[in-house]
Amino acid sequence: MNNIPQFYQQRRIPSSAARWWKNFTDNKLATSALLLLSLIILIAIFSPFIAPYDPTLQSADYLLPPSWYEDGTSAHIFGTDALGRDLFSRLAHGAGLSLKLATFVVAIAASVGIFLGSLTALSNQFVDQITIRIMDLVLALPSLLLAVVIVAIIGPGLPNAIYAVAIVLIPHFVLVTRSAIKNEVNKEYVTAMILDGSGKIRLFCKSIFPNILPPLIVQLTLAFSTAILEIAALGFLGLGAQAPHPEWGTILSESHNNIVNAPWTVTLPGLAIFFTLLSINLVGDGLRDAMDLGN
């Protein structure tokens, strides 16, 4: 036989992100939800350009039906509200406002929650147990009720609503971060770094934190949908964004009295909230499944 050595092309090993993306795109429902969420984000970003009217501009054409109604007009695709304001323009600008507020809320909650969760996981048993009991006590209360109580204490208004929702979300990040770190500290690579003389800060930044990113990413996604819902609920109750801000909850609050004679003024904002939350939750579930399969 011919003793010519055989050469084989080395198989390229995909990165973790590539494996997650492959697993995610295999989930058709999650991929469809990502496309819908991307569309909503694009509408939010380009709302100043695609909205045909100023969202606060009032006119005499009040309670015009959407364009697909018999009495509708193409000048107002989604119709108008009780003050003659174009509903499509208000929903488009409301998408930008709601997503910005939710991003700000999640940024605050994630920063504080991850910091406290890391300190708790790397602290002694006494501090750990005290923190966990406090977080469990906060989570035992309904999130919306707790947010309403906080706003009632510090006063209504958009800034206070942001702080209230952020406080409600902090315990979720604390517990997720603590649980993820506790699962990592018992692994062999952590023990090896400790024996090598690594301090807690270097151990966390260089080794533990990169390995707890998957559950944190999923929690960020789910917290984003919770923030949108809580902000809309506070706006509906008159404790969050105030008129004439085109926030989705505020739009619902202003229009719920017209649900019988002008149902589109309530249905369309409700559908905007519904599909946004649905898409975010489906994307979050898809990310969790993709990361579980990729590990």
C-alpha atoms as a PDB file:
ATOM      1  CA  MET A   1       0.000   0.000   0.000  1.00  0.00           C
ATOM      2  CA  ASN A   2       0.993   3.539  -0.568  1.00  0.00           C
ATOM      3  CA  ASN A   3       2.269   5.032   2.720  1.00  0.00           C
ATOM      4  CA  ILE A   4       1.495   8.592   1.709  1.00  0.00           C
ATOM      5  CA  PRO A   5       0.271  10.449   4.823  1.00  0.00           C
ATOM      6  CA  GLN A   6      -3.306  11.657   4.726  1.00  0.00           C
ATOM      7  CA  PHE A   7      -4.065  15.265   5.573  1.00  0.00           C
ATOM      8  CA  TYR A   8      -7.444  16.396   6.799  1.00  0.00           C
ATOM      9  CA  GLN A   9      -8.754  19.902   7.063  1.00  0.00           C
ATOM     10  CA  GLN A  10      -9.255  20.832  10.677  1.00  0.00           C
ATOM     11  CA  ARG A  11     -12.902  21.369  11.553  1.00  0.00           C
ATOM     12  CA  ARG A  12     -13.603  24.918  12.671  1.00  0.00           C
ATOM     13  CA  ILE A  13     -15.129  25.001  16.144  1.00  0.00           C
ATOM     14  CA  PRO A  14     -17.832  27.700  16.316  1.00  0.00           C
ATOM     15  CA  SER A  15     -17.809  30.198  19.138  1.00  0.00           C
ATOM     16  CA  SER A  16     -20.422  30.180  21.900  1.00  0.00           C
ATOM     17  CA  ALA A  17     -22.216  33.138  20.305  1.00  0.00           C
ATOM     18  CA  ALA A  18     -22.342  31.346  16.945  1.00  0.00           C
ATOM     19  CA  ARG A  19     -23.778  28.210  18.562  1.00  0.00           C
ATOM     20  CA  TRP A  20     -26.379  30.287  20.419  1.00  0.00           C
ATOM     21  CA  TRP A  21     -27.387  32.074  17.216  1.00  0.00           C
ATOM     22  CA  LYS A  22     -27.658  28.766  15.327  1.00  0.00           C
ATOM     23  CA  ASN A  23     -29.857  27.265  18.043  1.00  0.00           C
ATOM     24  CA  PHE A  24     -31.920  30.446  18.223  1.00  0.00           C
ATOM     25  CA  THR A  25     -32.601  30.612  14.472  1.00  0.00           C
ATOM     26  CA  ASP A  26     -33.682  26.961  14.530  1.00  0.00           C
ATOM     27  CA  ASN A  27     -36.575  28.116  16.719  1.00  0.00           C
ATOM     28  CA  LYS A  28     -38.943  29.562  14.110  1.00  0.00           C
ATOM     29  CA  LEU A  29     -41.298  31.093  16.666  1.00  0.00           C
ATOM     30  CA  ALA A  30     -38.479  32.950  18.425  1.00  0.00           C
ATOM     31  CA  THR A  31     -37.048  34.082  15.082  1.00  0.00           C
ATOM     32  CA  SER A  32     -40.440  35.461  14.027  1.00  0.00           C
ATOM     33  CA  ALA A  33     -40.714  37.246  17.375  1.00  0.00           C
ATOM     34  CA  LEU A  34     -37.263  38.772  16.830  1.00  0.00           C
ATOM     35  CA  LEU A  35     -38.350  40.107  13.435  1.00  0.00           C
ATOM     36  CA  LEU A  36     -41.470  41.624  14.997  1.00  0.00           C
ATOM     37  CA  LEU A  37     -39.446  43.160  17.812  1.00  0.00           C
ATOM     38  CA  SER A  38     -36.957  44.559  15.293  1.00  0.00           C
ATOM     39  CA  LEU A  39     -39.845  46.177  13.401  1.00  0.00           C
ATOM     40  CA  ILE A  40     -41.142  47.774  16.603  1.00  0.00           C
ATOM     41  CA  ILE A  41     -37.669  49.065  17.443  1.00  0.00           C
ATOM     42  CA  LEU A  42     -37.282  50.524  13.941  1.00  0.00           C
ATOM     43  CA  ILE A  43     -40.635  52.280  14.279  1.00  0.00           C
ATOM     44  CA  ALA A  44     -39.517  53.663  17.637  1.00  0.00           C
ATOM     45  CA  ILE A  45     -36.199  54.906  16.252  1.00  0.00           C
ATOM     46  CA  PHE A  46     -37.617  56.484  13.095  1.00  0.00           C
ATOM     47  CA  SER A  47     -40.902  57.709  14.613  1.00  0.00           C
ATOM     48  CA  PRO A  48     -39.993  61.401  14.039  1.00  0.00           C
ATOM     49  CA  PHE A  49     -39.733  60.645  10.310  1.00  0.00           C
ATOM     50  CA  ILE A  50     -42.586  58.182   9.737  1.00  0.00           C
ATOM     51  CA  ALA A  51     -45.200  59.854  11.957  1.00  0.00           C
ATOM     52  CA  PRO A  52     -47.274  62.158   9.723  1.00  0.00           C
ATOM     53  CA  TYR A  53     -48.304  64.526  12.547  1.00  0.00           C
ATOM     54  CA  ASP A  54     -47.067  65.926  15.805  1.00  0.00           C
ATOM     55  CA  PRO A  55     -48.321  63.503  18.513  1.00  0.00           C
ATOM     56  CA  THR A  56     -49.654  66.399  20.614  1.00  0.00           C
ATOM     57  CA  LEU A  57     -51.283  68.326  17.745  1.00  0.00           C
ATOM     58  CA  GLN A  58     -55.021  68.682  18.290  1.00  0.00           C
ATOM     59  CA  SER A  59     -57.595  69.168  15.536  1.00  0.00           C
ATOM     60  CA  ALA A  60     -61.332  69.331  14.979  1.00  0.00           C
ATOM     61  CA  ASP A  61     -61.295  65.816  13.452  1.00  0.00           C
ATOM     62  CA  TYR A  62     -61.891  64.079  16.745  1.00  0.00           C
ATOM     63  CA  LEU A  63     -62.713  60.343  16.999  1.00  0.00           C
ATOM     64  CA  LEU A  64     -62.182  59.669  13.301  1.00  0.00           C
ATOM     65  CA  PRO A  65     -62.181  55.892  12.691  1.00  0.00           C
ATOM     66  CA  PRO A  66     -59.168  54.102  11.145  1.00  0.00           C
ATOM     67  CA  SER A  67     -58.742  54.060   7.392  1.00  0.00           C
ATOM     68  CA  TRP A  68     -60.187  50.538   7.001  1.00  0.00           C
ATOM     69  CA  TYR A  69     -63.527  51.703   8.430  1.00  0.00           C
ATOM     70  CA  GLU A  70     -66.176  52.945   6.029  1.00  0.00           C
ATOM     71  CA  ASP A  71     -65.932  56.473   7.409  1.00  0.00           C
ATOM     72  CA  GLY A  72     -62.158  56.366   7.742  1.00  0.00           C
ATOM     73  CA  THR A  73     -59.642  58.412   5.828  1.00  0.00           C
ATOM     74  CA  SER A  74     -56.112  57.676   4.630  1.00  0.00           C
ATOM     75  CA  ALA A  75     -54.970  60.946   6.214  1.00  0.00           C
ATOM     76  CA  HIS A  76     -55.297  59.235   9.612  1.00  0.00           C
ATOM     77  CA  ILE A  77     -54.431  55.553   9.180  1.00  0.00           C
ATOM     78  CA  PHE A  78     -55.300  54.584  12.773  1.00  0.00           C
ATOM     79  CA  GLY A  79     -57.899  57.307  13.233  1.00  0.00           C
ATOM     80  CA  THR A  80     -57.847  60.038  15.869  1.00  0.00           C
ATOM     81  CA  ASP A  81     -58.580  60.266  19.582  1.00  0.00           C
ATOM     82  CA  ALA A  82     -61.076  62.417  21.481  1.00  0.00           C
ATOM     83  CA  LEU A  83     -58.888  65.511  21.031  1.00  0.00           C
ATOM     84  CA  GLY A  84     -58.335  64.999  17.302  1.00  0.00           C
ATOM     85  CA  ARG A  85     -54.740  63.793  17.674  1.00  0.00           C
ATOM     86  CA  ASP A  86     -53.479  61.308  15.102  1.00  0.00           C
ATOM     87  CA  LEU A  87     -53.372  57.903  16.785  1.00  0.00           C
ATOM     88  CA  PHE A  88     -50.680  56.420  14.548  1.00  0.00           C
ATOM     89  CA  SER A  89     -48.353  59.316  15.327  1.00  0.00           C
ATOM     90  CA  ARG A  90     -49.002  58.932  19.052  1.00  0.00           C
ATOM     91  CA  LEU A  91     -48.403  55.180  18.973  1.00  0.00           C
ATOM     92  CA  ALA A  92     -45.206  55.545  16.937  1.00  0.00           C
ATOM     93  CA  HIS A  93     -43.787  58.200  19.268  1.00  0.00           C
ATOM     94  CA  GLY A  94     -45.096  56.184  22.222  1.00  0.00           C
ATOM     95  CA  ALA A  95     -43.042  53.208  21.064  1.00  0.00           C
ATOM     96  CA  GLY A  96     -39.900  55.324  21.253  1.00  0.00           C
ATOM     97  CA  LEU A  97     -40.832  56.726  24.648  1.00  0.00           C
ATOM     98  CA  SER A  98     -41.787  53.352  26.125  1.00  0.00           C
ATOM     99  CA  LEU A  99     -38.639  51.616  24.871  1.00  0.00           C
ATOM    100  CA  LYS A 100     -36.408  54.446  26.112  1.00  0.00           C
ATOM    101  CA  LEU A 101     -37.997  54.381  29.556  1.00  0.00           C
ATOM    102  CA  ALA A 102     -37.760  50.589  29.733  1.00  0.00           C
ATOM    103  CA  THR A 103     -34.091  50.698  28.703  1.00  0.00           C
ATOM    104  CA  PHE A 104     -33.317  53.260  31.395  1.00  0.00           C
ATOM    105  CA  VAL A 105     -35.192  51.253  34.032  1.00  0.00           C
ATOM    106  CA  VAL A 106     -33.461  47.983  33.124  1.00  0.00           C
ATOM    107  CA  ALA A 107     -30.044  49.682  33.076  1.00  0.00           C
ATOM    108  CA  ILE A 108     -30.565  50.952  36.639  1.00  0.00           C
ATOM    109  CA  ALA A 109     -32.001  47.668  37.923  1.00  0.00           C
ATOM    110  CA  ALA A 110     -29.331  45.528  36.246  1.00  0.00           C
ATOM    111  CA  SER A 111     -26.411  47.672  37.453  1.00  0.00           C
ATOM    112  CA  VAL A 112     -27.577  47.720  41.073  1.00  0.00           C
ATOM    113  CA  GLY A 113     -28.873  44.142  41.067  1.00  0.00           C
ATOM    114  CA  ILE A 114     -25.765  42.557  39.549  1.00  0.00           C
ATOM    115  CA  PHE A 115     -23.540  44.515  41.937  1.00  0.00           C
ATOM    116  CA  LEU A 116     -25.546  43.496  45.016  1.00  0.00           C
ATOM    117  CA  GLY A 117     -25.880  39.911  43.799  1.00  0.00           C
ATOM    118  CA  SER A 118     -22.129  39.636  43.288  1.00  0.00           C
ATOM    119  CA  LEU A 119     -21.395  41.038  46.739  1.00  0.00           C
ATOM    120  CA  THR A 120     -23.941  38.681  48.282  1.00  0.00           C
ATOM    121  CA  ALA A 121     -22.576  35.588  46.552  1.00  0.00           C
ATOM    122  CA  LEU A 122     -18.971  36.375  47.516  1.00  0.00           C
ATOM    123  CA  SER A 123     -19.752  37.472  51.099  1.00  0.00           C
ATOM    124  CA  ASN A 124     -19.968  35.404  54.261  1.00  0.00           C
ATOM    125  CA  GLN A 125     -22.960  33.241  55.162  1.00  0.00           C
ATOM    126  CA  PHE A 126     -24.579  35.831  57.467  1.00  0.00           C
ATOM    127  CA  VAL A 127     -24.663  38.624  54.870  1.00  0.00           C
ATOM    128  CA  ASP A 128     -25.806  36.149  52.233  1.00  0.00           C
ATOM    129  CA  GLN A 129     -28.778  34.930  54.261  1.00  0.00           C
ATOM    130  CA  ILE A 130     -29.862  38.415  55.349  1.00  0.00           C
ATOM    131  CA  THR A 131     -29.821  39.679  51.756  1.00  0.00           C
ATOM    132  CA  ILE A 132     -31.728  36.663  50.470  1.00  0.00           C
ATOM    133  CA  ARG A 133     -34.449  37.081  53.111  1.00  0.00           C
ATOM    134  CA  ILE A 134     -34.870  40.763  52.174  1.00  0.00           C
ATOM    135  CA  MET A 135     -35.081  39.921  48.463  1.00  0.00           C
ATOM    136  CA  ASP A 136     -37.612  37.142  49.139  1.00  0.00           C
ATOM    137  CA  LEU A 137     -39.725  39.562  51.159  1.00  0.00           C
ATOM    138  CA  VAL A 138     -39.763  42.082  48.306  1.00  0.00           C
ATOM    139  CA  LEU A 139     -40.590  39.401  45.732  1.00  0.00           C
ATOM    140  CA  ALA A 140     -43.440  38.101  47.882  1.00  0.00           C
ATOM    141  CA  LEU A 141     -45.364  41.291  47.053  1.00  0.00           C
ATOM    142  CA  PRO A 142     -47.012  41.756  43.631  1.00  0.00           C
ATOM    143  CA  SER A 143     -44.662  43.876  41.533  1.00  0.00           C
ATOM    144  CA  LEU A 144     -47.306  46.329  40.336  1.00  0.00           C
ATOM    145  CA  LEU A 145     -48.679  46.799  43.861  1.00  0.00           C
ATOM    146  CA  LEU A 146     -45.177  47.461  45.168  1.00  0.00           C
ATOM    147  CA  ALA A 147     -44.514  49.964  42.369  1.00  0.00           C
ATOM    148  CA  VAL A 148     -47.793  51.756  43.137  1.00  0.00           C
ATOM    149  CA  VAL A 149     -46.897  51.933  46.841  1.00  0.00           C
ATOM    150  CA  ILE A 150     -43.453  53.348  46.076  1.00  0.00           C
ATOM    151  CA  VAL A 151     -44.881  55.974  43.711  1.00  0.00           C
ATOM    152  CA  ALA A 152     -47.535  56.853  46.286  1.00  0.00           C
ATOM    153  CA  ILE A 153     -44.759  57.452  48.829  1.00  0.00           C
ATOM    154  CA  ILE A 154     -42.342  59.461  46.689  1.00  0.00           C
ATOM    155  CA  GLY A 155     -45.036  61.118  44.554  1.00  0.00           C
ATOM    156  CA  PRO A 156     -46.496  60.568  41.055  1.00  0.00           C
ATOM    157  CA  GLY A 157     -44.652  61.522  37.913  1.00  0.00           C
ATOM    158  CA  LEU A 158     -42.509  59.948  35.219  1.00  0.00           C
ATOM    159  CA  PRO A 159     -39.106  60.128  37.031  1.00  0.00           C
ATOM    160  CA  ASN A 160     -40.547  58.606  40.197  1.00  0.00           C
ATOM    161  CA  ALA A 161     -42.291  55.888  38.181  1.00  0.00           C
ATOM    162  CA  ILE A 162     -38.932  54.985  36.609  1.00  0.00           C
ATOM    163  CA  TYR A 163     -37.285  54.683  40.028  1.00  0.00           C
ATOM    164  CA  ALA A 164     -40.211  52.657  41.392  1.00  0.00           C
ATOM    165  CA  VAL A 165     -40.119  50.108  38.569  1.00  0.00           C
ATOM    166  CA  ALA A 166     -36.316  49.876  38.821  1.00  0.00           C
ATOM    167  CA  ILE A 167     -36.562  49.123  42.560  1.00  0.00           C
ATOM    168  CA  VAL A 168     -39.120  46.402  41.836  1.00  0.00           C
ATOM    169  CA  LEU A 169     -36.789  44.752  39.280  1.00  0.00           C
ATOM    170  CA  ILE A 170     -33.599  44.868  41.372  1.00  0.00           C
ATOM    171  CA  PRO A 171     -34.358  41.713  43.466  1.00  0.00           C
ATOM    172  CA  HIS A 172     -34.696  39.618  40.293  1.00  0.00           C
ATOM    173  CA  PHE A 173     -31.179  40.536  39.186  1.00  0.00           C
ATOM    174  CA  VAL A 174     -29.815  40.019  42.701  1.00  0.00           C
ATOM    175  CA  LEU A 175     -31.151  36.463  42.929  1.00  0.00           C
ATOM    176  CA  VAL A 176     -30.209  35.499  39.366  1.00  0.00           C
ATOM    177  CA  THR A 177     -26.666  36.841  39.806  1.00  0.00           C
ATOM    178  CA  ARG A 178     -26.221  35.192  43.205  1.00  0.00           C
ATOM    179  CA  SER A 179     -27.521  31.835  41.975  1.00  0.00           C
ATOM    180  CA  ALA A 180     -25.321  31.885  38.875  1.00  0.00           C
ATOM    181  CA  ILE A 181     -22.192  32.769  40.869  1.00  0.00           C
ATOM    182  CA  LYS A 182     -22.945  30.078  43.474  1.00  0.00           C
ATOM    183  CA  ASN A 183     -23.098  27.524  40.669  1.00  0.00           C
ATOM    184  CA  GLU A 184     -19.745  28.660  39.295  1.00  0.00           C
ATOM    185  CA  VAL A 185     -17.680  28.931  42.499  1.00  0.00           C
ATOM    186  CA  ASN A 186     -17.756  25.172  43.036  1.00  0.00           C
ATOM    187  CA  LYS A 187     -16.256  24.378  39.643  1.00  0.00           C
ATOM    188  CA  GLU A 188     -12.703  23.248  39.153  1.00  0.00           C
ATOM    189  CA  TYR A 189     -11.455  26.274  37.230  1.00  0.00           C
ATOM    190  CA  VAL A 190     -12.452  28.556  40.135  1.00  0.00           C
ATOM    191  CA  THR A 191     -10.645  26.322  42.614  1.00  0.00           C
ATOM    192  CA  ALA A 192      -7.566  26.366  40.379  1.00  0.00           C
ATOM    193  CA  MET A 193      -7.560  30.172  40.218  1.00  0.00           C
ATOM    194  CA  ILE A 194      -7.976  30.450  44.001  1.00  0.00           C
ATOM    195  CA  LEU A 195      -5.029  28.080  44.536  1.00  0.00           C
ATOM    196  CA  ASP A 196      -3.087  30.188  42.065  1.00  0.00           C
ATOM    197  CA  GLY A 197      -3.579  33.181  44.361  1.00  0.00           C
ATOM    198  CA  SER A 198      -6.292  35.102  42.504  1.00  0.00           C
ATOM    199  CA  GLY A 199      -8.240  37.615  44.578  1.00  0.00           C
ATOM    200  CA  LYS A 200     -12.017  37.874  44.579  1.00  0.00           C
ATOM    201  CA  ILE A 201     -12.149  40.869  42.229  1.00  0.00           C
ATOM    202  CA  ARG A 202      -9.844  39.311  39.626  1.00  0.00           C
ATOM    203  CA  LEU A 203     -11.584  35.957  39.983  1.00  0.00           C
ATOM    204  CA  PHE A 204     -14.976  37.541  39.378  1.00  0.00           C
ATOM    205  CA  CYS A 205     -13.983  39.826  36.489  1.00  0.00           C
ATOM    206  CA  LYS A 206     -11.767  37.379  34.592  1.00  0.00           C
ATOM    207  CA  SER A 207     -13.526  34.056  35.093  1.00  0.00           C
ATOM    208  CA  ILE A 208     -16.891  34.063  36.840  1.00  0.00           C
ATOM    209  CA  PHE A 209     -18.630  37.006  35.175  1.00  0.00           C
ATOM    210  CA  PRO A 210     -18.089  35.840  31.549  1.00  0.00           C
ATOM    211  CA  ASN A 211     -19.570  32.457  32.507  1.00  0.00           C
ATOM    212  CA  ILE A 212     -22.728  33.886  34.108  1.00  0.00           C
ATOM    213  CA  LEU A 213     -23.619  36.080  31.127  1.00  0.00           C
ATOM    214  CA  PRO A 214     -26.198  33.646  29.631  1.00  0.00           C
ATOM    215  CA  PRO A 215     -28.666  33.780  32.567  1.00  0.00           C
ATOM    216  CA  LEU A 216     -28.096  37.523  32.915  1.00  0.00           C
ATOM    217  CA  ILE A 217     -28.877  38.107  29.229  1.00  0.00           C
ATOM    218  CA  VAL A 218     -32.112  36.148  29.573  1.00  0.00           C
ATOM    219  CA  GLN A 219     -33.016  38.100  32.724  1.00  0.00           C
ATOM    220  CA  LEU A 220     -32.333  41.387  30.931  1.00  0.00           C
ATOM    221  CA  THR A 221     -34.747  40.396  28.186  1.00  0.00           C
ATOM    222  CA  LEU A 222     -37.518  39.384  30.580  1.00  0.00           C
ATOM    223  CA  ALA A 223     -36.961  42.466  32.756  1.00  0.00           C
ATOM    224  CA  PHE A 224     -37.347  44.642  29.670  1.00  0.00           C
ATOM    225  CA  SER A 225     -40.864  43.326  29.033  1.00  0.00           C
ATOM    226  CA  THR A 226     -41.742  43.706  32.723  1.00  0.00           C
ATOM    227  CA  ALA A 227     -40.518  47.306  32.686  1.00  0.00           C
ATOM    228  CA  ILE A 228     -42.684  48.179  29.666  1.00  0.00           C
ATOM    229  CA  LEU A 229     -45.741  46.626  31.298  1.00  0.00           C
ATOM    230  CA  GLU A 230     -45.170  48.273  34.691  1.00  0.00           C
ATOM    231  CA  ILE A 231     -44.546  51.715  33.152  1.00  0.00           C
ATOM    232  CA  ALA A 232     -47.694  51.372  31.034  1.00  0.00           C
ATOM    233  CA  ALA A 233     -49.707  50.267  34.086  1.00  0.00           C
ATOM    234  CA  LEU A 234     -48.510  53.243  36.138  1.00  0.00           C
ATOM    235  CA  GLY A 235     -49.278  55.549  33.236  1.00  0.00           C
ATOM    236  CA  PHE A 236     -52.772  54.094  32.964  1.00  0.00           C
ATOM    237  CA  LEU A 237     -53.327  54.692  36.678  1.00  0.00           C
ATOM    238  CA  GLY A 238     -52.156  58.297  36.332  1.00  0.00           C
ATOM    239  CA  LEU A 239     -49.022  57.689  38.422  1.00  0.00           C
ATOM    240  CA  GLY A 240     -46.476  57.613  35.603  1.00  0.00           C
ATOM    241  CA  ALA A 241     -46.225  59.627  32.414  1.00  0.00           C
ATOM    242  CA  GLN A 242     -48.720  62.468  32.318  1.00  0.00           C
ATOM    243  CA  ALA A 243     -50.625  63.922  29.365  1.00  0.00           C
ATOM    244  CA  PRO A 244     -49.810  64.979  26.728  1.00  0.00           C
ATOM    245  CA  HIS A 245     -46.876  62.503  26.692  1.00  0.00           C
ATOM    246  CA  PRO A 246     -47.705  59.782  24.109  1.00  0.00           C
ATOM    247  CA  GLU A 247     -46.833  56.906  26.436  1.00  0.00           C
ATOM    248  CA  TRP A 248     -48.883  53.779  25.718  1.00  0.00           C
ATOM    249  CA  GLY A 249     -50.366  53.490  29.207  1.00  0.00           C
ATOM    250  CA  THR A 250     -51.284  57.172  29.210  1.00  0.00           C
ATOM    251  CA  ILE A 251     -52.955  56.802  25.799  1.00  0.00           C
ATOM    252  CA  LEU A 252     -55.063  53.960  27.209  1.00  0.00           C
ATOM    253  CA  SER A 253     -55.944  56.027  30.263  1.00  0.00           C
ATOM    254  CA  GLU A 254     -57.106  58.933  28.118  1.00  0.00           C
ATOM    255  CA  SER A 255     -59.152  56.720  25.779  1.00  0.00           C
ATOM    256  CA  HIS A 256     -60.820  54.110  28.001  1.00  0.00           C
ATOM    257  CA  ASN A 257     -63.964  56.256  28.321  1.00  0.00           C
ATOM    258  CA  ASN A 258     -64.452  55.978  24.544  1.00  0.00           C
ATOM    259  CA  ILE A 259     -64.269  52.171  24.395  1.00  0.00           C
ATOM    260  CA  VAL A 260     -67.922  51.894  23.321  1.00  0.00           C
ATOM    261  CA  ASN A 261     -68.215  54.609  20.672  1.00  0.00           C
ATOM    262  CA  ALA A 262     -64.546  54.595  19.529  1.00  0.00           C
ATOM    263  CA  PRO A 263     -63.058  51.170  20.362  1.00  0.00           C
ATOM    264  CA  TRP A 264     -59.982  51.694  18.159  1.00  0.00           C
ATOM    265  CA  THR A 265     -58.652  54.310  20.593  1.00  0.00           C
ATOM    266  CA  VAL A 266     -58.289  51.535  23.176  1.00  0.00           C
ATOM    267  CA  THR A 267     -57.754  48.460  20.994  1.00  0.00           C
ATOM    268  CA  LEU A 268     -54.774  49.779  19.014  1.00  0.00           C
ATOM    269  CA  PRO A 269     -52.679  50.902  22.034  1.00  0.00           C
ATOM    270  CA  GLY A 270     -53.566  47.636  23.764  1.00  0.00           C
ATOM    271  CA  LEU A 271     -52.408  45.642  20.748  1.00  0.00           C
ATOM    272  CA  ALA A 272     -49.182  47.661  20.601  1.00  0.00           C
ATOM    273  CA  ILE A 273     -48.421  46.735  24.215  1.00  0.00           C
ATOM    274  CA  PHE A 274     -49.511  43.120  23.692  1.00  0.00           C
ATOM    275  CA  PHE A 275     -47.377  42.426  20.619  1.00  0.00           C
ATOM    276  CA  THR A 276     -44.353  44.198  22.102  1.00  0.00           C
ATOM    277  CA  LEU A 277     -44.503  42.147  25.295  1.00  0.00           C
ATOM    278  CA  LEU A 278     -45.231  38.945  23.373  1.00  0.00           C
ATOM    279  CA  SER A 279     -42.270  39.409  21.053  1.00  0.00           C
ATOM    280  CA  ILE A 280     -39.881  40.242  23.907  1.00  0.00           C
ATOM    281  CA  ASN A 281     -40.986  37.237  25.973  1.00  0.00           C
ATOM    282  CA  LEU A 282     -40.715  34.864  23.011  1.00  0.00           C
ATOM    283  CA  VAL A 283     -37.246  36.182  22.218  1.00  0.00           C
ATOM    284  CA  GLY A 284     -36.275  35.708  25.879  1.00  0.00           C
ATOM    285  CA  ASP A 285     -37.568  32.135  25.894  1.00  0.00           C
ATOM    286  CA  GLY A 286     -35.744  31.452  22.633  1.00  0.00           C
ATOM    287  CA  LEU A 287     -32.500  32.838  24.039  1.00  0.00           C
ATOM    288  CA  ARG A 288     -32.812  30.684  27.155  1.00  0.00           C
ATOM    289  CA  ASP A 289     -33.417  27.533  25.105  1.00  0.00           C
ATOM    290  CA  ALA A 290     -30.591  28.392  22.692  1.00  0.00           C
ATOM    291  CA  MET A 291     -28.107  28.978  25.506  1.00  0.00           C
ATOM    292  CA  ASP A 292     -29.141  25.782  27.292  1.00  0.00           C
ATOM    293  CA  LEU A 293     -28.559  23.781  24.121  1.00  0.00           C
ATOM    294  CA  GLY A 294     -25.294  25.558  23.392  1.00  0.00           C
ATOM    295  CA  ASN A 295     -23.698  24.775  26.764  1.00  0.00           C
END
